[in-house]
Amino acid sequence: MTALDDGAMAQKTKNLEIVGQYQFESGFRPSIAWLQSVAYTPEHSRFNRVKYLDLALFYDLNEHFTLYVDHKINRLNGGSDAVRAHELSSANVTAAGMVYHF
């Protein structure tokens, strides 16, 4: 088994997620979140698999449609041996979309 196998990693990972959101009557919902996942492996002892700040804004057009824009500010050190060895992304990501609620 390698360090990235789900069974091996799941037993040696600690996760933290903190999310804050507020729903305005106008339909806007800003969101801020911190996500971090720390793995423990024999190869790298302790390293961050995930570490980012997430900023998002949601807007409810009506009861069925929600628009959103989301920006992930990655805090992983792209130059670290563990990040390179496990091929983890250290790039920032922005996404936008629309969700239909049935």
N, C-alpha and C. Protein backbone atom coordinates (compact mmCIF):
# COMPACT_ATOMS: atom_id res chain seq x y z
N MET A 1 0.82 -1.19 0.00
CA MET A 1 0.00 0.00 0.00
C MET A 1 0.86 1.25 0.00
N THR A 2 0.46 2.22 -0.79
CA THR A 2 1.19 3.49 -0.78
C THR A 2 0.51 4.45 0.19
N ALA A 3 1.17 5.56 0.45
CA ALA A 3 0.63 6.54 1.39
C ALA A 3 -0.68 7.15 0.91
N LEU A 4 -0.96 7.10 -0.39
CA LEU A 4 -2.18 7.70 -0.90
C LEU A 4 -3.35 6.74 -0.97
N ASP A 5 -3.15 5.46 -0.63
CA ASP A 5 -4.27 4.53 -0.61
C ASP A 5 -5.26 4.99 0.45
N ASP A 6 -6.56 4.94 0.12
CA ASP A 6 -7.58 5.46 1.03
C ASP A 6 -7.52 4.81 2.40
N GLY A 7 -7.36 3.51 2.46
CA GLY A 7 -7.32 2.82 3.75
C GLY A 7 -6.14 3.22 4.60
N ALA A 8 -4.96 3.35 4.00
CA ALA A 8 -3.76 3.71 4.74
C ALA A 8 -3.82 5.15 5.22
N MET A 9 -4.30 6.06 4.38
CA MET A 9 -4.30 7.46 4.73
C MET A 9 -5.40 7.78 5.75
N ALA A 10 -6.55 7.15 5.63
CA ALA A 10 -7.68 7.47 6.49
C ALA A 10 -7.37 7.22 7.96
N GLN A 11 -6.56 6.23 8.25
CA GLN A 11 -6.22 5.91 9.63
C GLN A 11 -5.19 6.88 10.20
N LYS A 12 -4.58 7.69 9.37
CA LYS A 12 -3.49 8.56 9.80
C LYS A 12 -3.72 10.01 9.42
N THR A 13 -4.97 10.45 9.37
CA THR A 13 -5.28 11.82 8.94
C THR A 13 -6.19 12.49 9.96
N LYS A 14 -5.89 13.76 10.25
CA LYS A 14 -6.75 14.57 11.12
C LYS A 14 -7.25 15.76 10.30
N ASN A 15 -8.56 16.02 10.38
CA ASN A 15 -9.18 17.06 9.58
C ASN A 15 -9.78 18.15 10.46
N LEU A 16 -9.75 19.38 9.95
CA LEU A 16 -10.37 20.52 10.61
C LEU A 16 -11.09 21.35 9.56
N GLU A 17 -12.37 21.62 9.80
CA GLU A 17 -13.14 22.48 8.91
C GLU A 17 -13.91 23.47 9.77
N ILE A 18 -13.74 24.76 9.47
CA ILE A 18 -14.47 25.81 10.17
C ILE A 18 -15.15 26.65 9.09
N VAL A 19 -16.48 26.80 9.20
CA VAL A 19 -17.25 27.51 8.19
C VAL A 19 -18.12 28.56 8.86
N GLY A 20 -18.13 29.77 8.28
CA GLY A 20 -19.02 30.82 8.74
C GLY A 20 -19.81 31.36 7.56
N GLN A 21 -21.14 31.43 7.71
CA GLN A 21 -22.00 31.95 6.65
C GLN A 21 -23.09 32.81 7.27
N TYR A 22 -23.60 33.75 6.48
CA TYR A 22 -24.74 34.55 6.93
C TYR A 22 -25.69 34.72 5.75
N GLN A 23 -26.97 34.44 5.99
CA GLN A 23 -27.99 34.56 4.94
C GLN A 23 -28.71 35.89 5.08
N PHE A 24 -28.55 36.77 4.08
CA PHE A 24 -29.27 38.04 4.06
C PHE A 24 -30.65 37.83 3.45
N GLU A 25 -31.60 38.68 3.83
CA GLU A 25 -32.95 38.58 3.28
C GLU A 25 -32.97 38.81 1.77
N SER A 26 -32.00 39.53 1.25
CA SER A 26 -31.93 39.81 -0.19
C SER A 26 -31.57 38.57 -1.02
N GLY A 27 -31.14 37.50 -0.37
CA GLY A 27 -30.76 36.29 -1.08
C GLY A 27 -29.25 36.07 -1.14
N PHE A 28 -28.47 37.07 -0.72
CA PHE A 28 -27.01 36.92 -0.69
C PHE A 28 -26.59 36.13 0.54
N ARG A 29 -25.58 35.26 0.35
CA ARG A 29 -25.03 34.49 1.46
C ARG A 29 -23.51 34.43 1.31
N PRO A 30 -22.77 35.30 2.01
CA PRO A 30 -21.31 35.21 1.99
C PRO A 30 -20.86 34.03 2.86
N SER A 31 -19.72 33.48 2.51
CA SER A 31 -19.20 32.33 3.25
C SER A 31 -17.68 32.43 3.34
N ILE A 32 -17.15 32.07 4.49
CA ILE A 32 -15.71 31.97 4.67
C ILE A 32 -15.44 30.65 5.40
N ALA A 33 -14.41 29.95 4.96
CA ALA A 33 -14.12 28.64 5.56
C ALA A 33 -12.61 28.41 5.60
N TRP A 34 -12.17 27.65 6.60
CA TRP A 34 -10.78 27.21 6.71
C TRP A 34 -10.83 25.68 6.72
N LEU A 35 -10.06 25.05 5.83
CA LEU A 35 -10.01 23.60 5.76
C LEU A 35 -8.56 23.15 5.83
N GLN A 36 -8.31 22.16 6.66
CA GLN A 36 -6.96 21.63 6.80
C GLN A 36 -7.04 20.14 7.09
N SER A 37 -6.19 19.39 6.42
CA SER A 37 -6.11 17.95 6.61
C SER A 37 -4.64 17.60 6.78
N VAL A 38 -4.29 17.07 7.95
CA VAL A 38 -2.90 16.73 8.28
C VAL A 38 -2.75 15.22 8.26
N ALA A 39 -1.80 14.74 7.48
CA ALA A 39 -1.56 13.30 7.36
C ALA A 39 -0.27 12.91 8.08
N TYR A 40 -0.26 11.71 8.56
CA TYR A 40 0.92 11.15 9.22
C TYR A 40 1.33 9.89 8.48
N THR A 41 2.52 9.91 7.87
CA THR A 41 3.01 8.76 7.11
C THR A 41 4.44 8.46 7.53
N PRO A 42 4.89 7.24 7.33
CA PRO A 42 6.28 6.91 7.65
C PRO A 42 7.28 7.69 6.80
N GLU A 43 6.90 7.99 5.52
CA GLU A 43 7.83 8.68 4.63
C GLU A 43 8.08 10.13 5.03
N HIS A 44 7.01 10.84 5.42
CA HIS A 44 7.13 12.28 5.66
C HIS A 44 6.70 12.67 7.07
N SER A 45 6.51 11.72 7.94
CA SER A 45 6.12 11.99 9.32
C SER A 45 4.78 12.73 9.34
N ARG A 46 4.78 14.04 9.34
CA ARG A 46 3.55 14.84 9.39
C ARG A 46 3.59 15.85 8.25
N PHE A 47 2.51 15.92 7.45
CA PHE A 47 2.45 16.92 6.39
C PHE A 47 1.00 17.29 6.11
N ASN A 48 0.80 18.46 5.55
CA ASN A 48 -0.54 18.94 5.20
C ASN A 48 -0.94 18.42 3.83
N ARG A 49 -2.06 17.68 3.78
CA ARG A 49 -2.61 17.22 2.50
C ARG A 49 -3.49 18.31 1.91
N VAL A 50 -4.21 19.03 2.76
CA VAL A 50 -5.10 20.11 2.35
C VAL A 50 -4.94 21.23 3.35
N LYS A 51 -4.84 22.46 2.84
CA LYS A 51 -4.74 23.61 3.73
C LYS A 51 -5.12 24.84 2.91
N TYR A 52 -6.36 25.32 3.10
CA TYR A 52 -6.78 26.47 2.31
C TYR A 52 -7.88 27.28 2.99
N LEU A 53 -7.97 28.54 2.56
CA LEU A 53 -9.03 29.45 2.96
C LEU A 53 -9.99 29.53 1.78
N ASP A 54 -11.27 29.36 2.05
CA ASP A 54 -12.28 29.36 1.01
C ASP A 54 -13.21 30.56 1.19
N LEU A 55 -13.30 31.41 0.16
CA LEU A 55 -14.18 32.57 0.17
C LEU A 55 -15.24 32.35 -0.90
N ALA A 56 -16.51 32.48 -0.53
CA ALA A 56 -17.58 32.21 -1.48
C ALA A 56 -18.71 33.21 -1.29
N LEU A 57 -19.48 33.37 -2.35
CA LEU A 57 -20.68 34.21 -2.32
C LEU A 57 -21.77 33.48 -3.09
N PHE A 58 -22.91 33.31 -2.44
CA PHE A 58 -24.06 32.64 -3.03
C PHE A 58 -25.18 33.66 -3.19
N TYR A 59 -25.99 33.50 -4.22
CA TYR A 59 -27.15 34.36 -4.41
C TYR A 59 -28.32 33.50 -4.86
N ASP A 60 -29.40 33.52 -4.07
CA ASP A 60 -30.60 32.75 -4.40
C ASP A 60 -31.45 33.57 -5.36
N LEU A 61 -31.51 33.16 -6.62
CA LEU A 61 -32.37 33.84 -7.60
C LEU A 61 -33.84 33.65 -7.26
N ASN A 62 -34.18 32.41 -6.89
CA ASN A 62 -35.52 32.06 -6.45
C ASN A 62 -35.39 30.78 -5.62
N GLU A 63 -36.48 30.13 -5.33
CA GLU A 63 -36.41 28.95 -4.47
C GLU A 63 -35.72 27.76 -5.14
N HIS A 64 -35.54 27.82 -6.47
CA HIS A 64 -34.93 26.69 -7.18
C HIS A 64 -33.51 26.95 -7.68
N PHE A 65 -33.15 28.20 -7.96
CA PHE A 65 -31.85 28.50 -8.55
C PHE A 65 -30.95 29.29 -7.60
N THR A 66 -29.71 28.85 -7.47
CA THR A 66 -28.70 29.55 -6.69
C THR A 66 -27.47 29.75 -7.56
N LEU A 67 -26.98 30.98 -7.62
CA LEU A 67 -25.73 31.30 -8.29
C LEU A 67 -24.63 31.36 -7.25
N TYR A 68 -23.40 30.98 -7.63
CA TYR A 68 -22.31 31.07 -6.67
C TYR A 68 -20.98 31.36 -7.37
N VAL A 69 -20.09 31.96 -6.62
CA VAL A 69 -18.70 32.11 -7.01
C VAL A 69 -17.88 31.73 -5.79
N ASP A 70 -16.81 30.97 -6.00
CA ASP A 70 -16.03 30.40 -4.91
C ASP A 70 -14.55 30.54 -5.24
N HIS A 71 -13.77 30.99 -4.29
CA HIS A 71 -12.33 31.13 -4.50
C HIS A 71 -11.58 30.43 -3.37
N LYS A 72 -10.72 29.50 -3.74
CA LYS A 72 -9.92 28.75 -2.78
C LYS A 72 -8.50 29.30 -2.79
N ILE A 73 -8.06 29.83 -1.64
CA ILE A 73 -6.70 30.35 -1.50
C ILE A 73 -5.87 29.24 -0.86
N ASN A 74 -5.08 28.56 -1.67
CA ASN A 74 -4.31 27.42 -1.22
C ASN A 74 -3.12 27.88 -0.38
N ARG A 75 -2.93 27.26 0.78
CA ARG A 75 -1.85 27.60 1.68
C ARG A 75 -0.78 26.51 1.74
N LEU A 76 -0.85 25.52 0.85
CA LEU A 76 0.18 24.48 0.81
C LEU A 76 1.46 25.06 0.23
N ASN A 77 2.58 24.63 0.74
CA ASN A 77 3.89 25.04 0.23
C ASN A 77 4.23 24.13 -0.94
N GLY A 78 4.11 24.65 -2.16
CA GLY A 78 4.36 23.85 -3.36
C GLY A 78 5.78 23.32 -3.46
N GLY A 79 6.72 23.91 -2.74
CA GLY A 79 8.11 23.47 -2.81
C GLY A 79 8.47 22.39 -1.80
N SER A 80 7.52 22.02 -0.93
CA SER A 80 7.87 21.02 0.09
C SER A 80 7.97 19.62 -0.52
N ASP A 81 8.82 18.79 0.06
CA ASP A 81 9.03 17.42 -0.43
C ASP A 81 7.74 16.61 -0.38
N ALA A 82 6.97 16.76 0.70
CA ALA A 82 5.74 15.97 0.85
C ALA A 82 4.72 16.35 -0.21
N VAL A 83 4.57 17.63 -0.51
CA VAL A 83 3.61 18.07 -1.52
C VAL A 83 4.01 17.53 -2.88
N ARG A 84 5.29 17.61 -3.22
CA ARG A 84 5.75 17.08 -4.51
C ARG A 84 5.64 15.57 -4.55
N ALA A 85 6.01 14.89 -3.48
CA ALA A 85 5.99 13.42 -3.46
C ALA A 85 4.58 12.87 -3.62
N HIS A 86 3.59 13.55 -3.07
CA HIS A 86 2.21 13.07 -3.14
C HIS A 86 1.40 13.77 -4.23
N GLU A 87 2.08 14.56 -5.07
CA GLU A 87 1.47 15.23 -6.22
C GLU A 87 0.24 16.04 -5.82
N LEU A 88 0.36 16.81 -4.74
CA LEU A 88 -0.73 17.64 -4.26
C LEU A 88 -0.68 19.00 -4.96
N SER A 89 -1.82 19.55 -5.27
CA SER A 89 -1.88 20.85 -5.93
C SER A 89 -1.71 21.96 -4.92
N SER A 90 -0.90 22.95 -5.27
CA SER A 90 -0.74 24.12 -4.40
C SER A 90 -1.25 25.38 -5.11
N ALA A 91 -2.11 25.19 -6.12
CA ALA A 91 -2.64 26.31 -6.89
C ALA A 91 -3.93 26.86 -6.27
N ASN A 92 -4.16 28.15 -6.46
CA ASN A 92 -5.44 28.75 -6.09
C ASN A 92 -6.46 28.38 -7.16
N VAL A 93 -7.74 28.27 -6.75
CA VAL A 93 -8.79 27.85 -7.68
C VAL A 93 -10.00 28.76 -7.51
N THR A 94 -10.58 29.19 -8.64
CA THR A 94 -11.81 29.96 -8.62
C THR A 94 -12.85 29.21 -9.44
N ALA A 95 -14.07 29.15 -8.92
CA ALA A 95 -15.16 28.47 -9.62
C ALA A 95 -16.42 29.32 -9.54
N ALA A 96 -17.27 29.18 -10.53
CA ALA A 96 -18.57 29.85 -10.55
C ALA A 96 -19.57 28.88 -11.13
N GLY A 97 -20.80 29.00 -10.69
CA GLY A 97 -21.79 28.09 -11.23
C GLY A 97 -23.20 28.42 -10.79
N MET A 98 -24.10 27.55 -11.20
CA MET A 98 -25.51 27.69 -10.85
C MET A 98 -26.00 26.32 -10.40
N VAL A 99 -26.78 26.31 -9.33
CA VAL A 99 -27.33 25.07 -8.77
C VAL A 99 -28.85 25.11 -8.88
N TYR A 100 -29.43 24.02 -9.34
CA TYR A 100 -30.89 23.90 -9.38
C TYR A 100 -31.30 22.98 -8.24
N HIS A 101 -32.19 23.43 -7.40
CA HIS A 101 -32.71 22.65 -6.27
C HIS A 101 -34.06 22.07 -6.65
N PHE A 102 -34.19 20.74 -6.64
CA PHE A 102 -35.47 20.09 -6.96
C PHE A 102 -36.43 20.21 -5.81
